[in-house]
Protein backbone atom coordinates (compact mmCIF):
# COMPACT_ATOMS: atom_id res chain seq x y z
CA MET A 1 3.09 -27.76 -83.63
CA ALA A 2 -0.01 -29.09 -81.89
CA SER A 3 -2.40 -26.71 -80.32
CA ILE A 4 -3.65 -26.64 -76.78
CA ILE A 5 -6.95 -25.18 -78.06
CA PRO A 6 -8.87 -28.50 -78.30
CA PHE A 7 -8.58 -28.91 -74.54
CA PRO A 8 -10.89 -27.09 -72.14
CA ILE A 9 -9.61 -23.64 -71.29
CA GLY A 10 -12.63 -22.90 -69.13
CA GLU A 11 -13.65 -19.42 -68.17
CA CYS A 12 -10.27 -17.77 -68.46
CA ALA A 13 -9.27 -15.64 -71.42
CA PHE A 14 -5.77 -15.94 -72.83
CA ASP A 15 -4.35 -13.70 -75.50
CA PRO A 16 -2.81 -15.28 -78.63
CA LYS A 17 0.72 -14.90 -77.24
CA ASP A 18 -0.27 -16.83 -74.11
CA VAL A 19 -1.95 -19.57 -76.14
CA SER A 20 1.19 -19.85 -78.27
CA ALA A 21 3.38 -20.19 -75.15
CA MET A 22 1.03 -22.80 -73.70
CA SER A 23 0.98 -24.73 -76.99
CA THR A 24 4.77 -24.66 -77.18
CA ALA A 25 5.05 -25.95 -73.61
CA PHE A 26 2.48 -28.65 -74.38
CA ASP A 27 4.35 -29.82 -77.49
CA GLU A 28 7.70 -29.86 -75.68
CA VAL A 29 6.35 -31.81 -72.69
CA CYS A 30 4.70 -34.40 -74.93
CA LYS A 31 7.91 -34.75 -76.94
CA ALA A 32 10.10 -35.02 -73.83
CA LEU A 33 7.82 -37.73 -72.42
CA GLY A 34 7.67 -39.54 -75.77
CA LEU A 35 3.87 -39.42 -75.92
CA PRO A 36 2.35 -40.48 -79.23
CA ALA A 37 -0.43 -38.41 -80.76
CA ASP A 38 -3.00 -41.05 -79.79
CA ALA A 39 -2.18 -40.89 -76.04
CA ALA A 40 -5.29 -38.76 -75.55
CA THR A 41 -5.71 -39.15 -71.79
CA ALA A 42 -2.10 -38.37 -70.94
CA ARG A 43 -2.04 -35.45 -73.36
CA GLU A 44 -5.23 -34.05 -71.85
CA VAL A 45 -3.78 -34.28 -68.32
CA ILE A 46 -0.73 -32.33 -69.51
CA ALA A 47 -2.85 -29.71 -71.26
CA VAL A 48 -5.06 -29.21 -68.21
CA ARG A 49 -2.03 -28.81 -65.95
CA ILE A 50 -0.46 -26.25 -68.29
CA ILE A 51 -3.74 -24.33 -68.38
CA GLU A 52 -3.95 -24.41 -64.56
CA LEU A 53 -0.43 -23.00 -64.28
CA ALA A 54 -1.23 -20.30 -66.85
CA LYS A 55 -4.37 -19.35 -64.93
CA CYS A 56 -2.12 -18.84 -61.89
CA GLY A 57 -0.07 -16.36 -63.90
CA GLU A 58 2.79 -18.30 -65.48
CA ARG A 59 2.86 -17.53 -69.19
CA ARG A 60 6.46 -18.40 -70.17
CA SER A 61 6.62 -21.59 -72.21
CA THR A 62 9.93 -22.74 -70.78
CA LEU A 63 8.75 -22.42 -67.19
CA LEU A 64 5.43 -24.08 -67.96
CA ARG A 65 7.30 -26.95 -69.61
CA ASP A 66 9.85 -27.31 -66.83
CA HIS A 67 7.20 -27.25 -64.11
CA VAL A 68 5.11 -30.00 -65.75
CA LEU A 69 8.18 -32.14 -66.48
CA ARG A 70 9.29 -31.85 -62.83
CA GLU A 71 5.83 -32.91 -61.69
CA ALA A 72 5.89 -35.90 -64.07
CA GLU A 73 9.34 -36.87 -62.80
CA GLU A 74 8.16 -36.65 -59.19
CA PHE A 75 5.07 -38.70 -59.99
CA ASN A 76 7.22 -41.40 -61.61
CA ARG A 77 9.53 -41.52 -58.57
CA GLN A 78 6.55 -42.12 -56.29
CA GLN A 79 5.28 -45.09 -58.28
CA PRO A 80 6.08 -48.56 -56.91
CA ALA A 81 8.72 -50.50 -58.85
CA GLY A 82 7.33 -52.60 -61.68
CA VAL A 83 4.18 -50.51 -62.19
């Protein structure tokens, strides 16, 4: 399992259980989107979004994952064809 730790968590403290949930969500989103380990920019965007959601109070890995995947799906729908 990858860790969300290398990405900026900012000035918010998370307990180990929260970090584990965030890391699980991060891994599952990256896997679902088929992102390779070297897709640094995309992986950072995902990590930052998961951290933002956790800062707002969501700490369940499944809900973090589902929220980010829905946002990615919506983003892809809004892109012009052929892009």
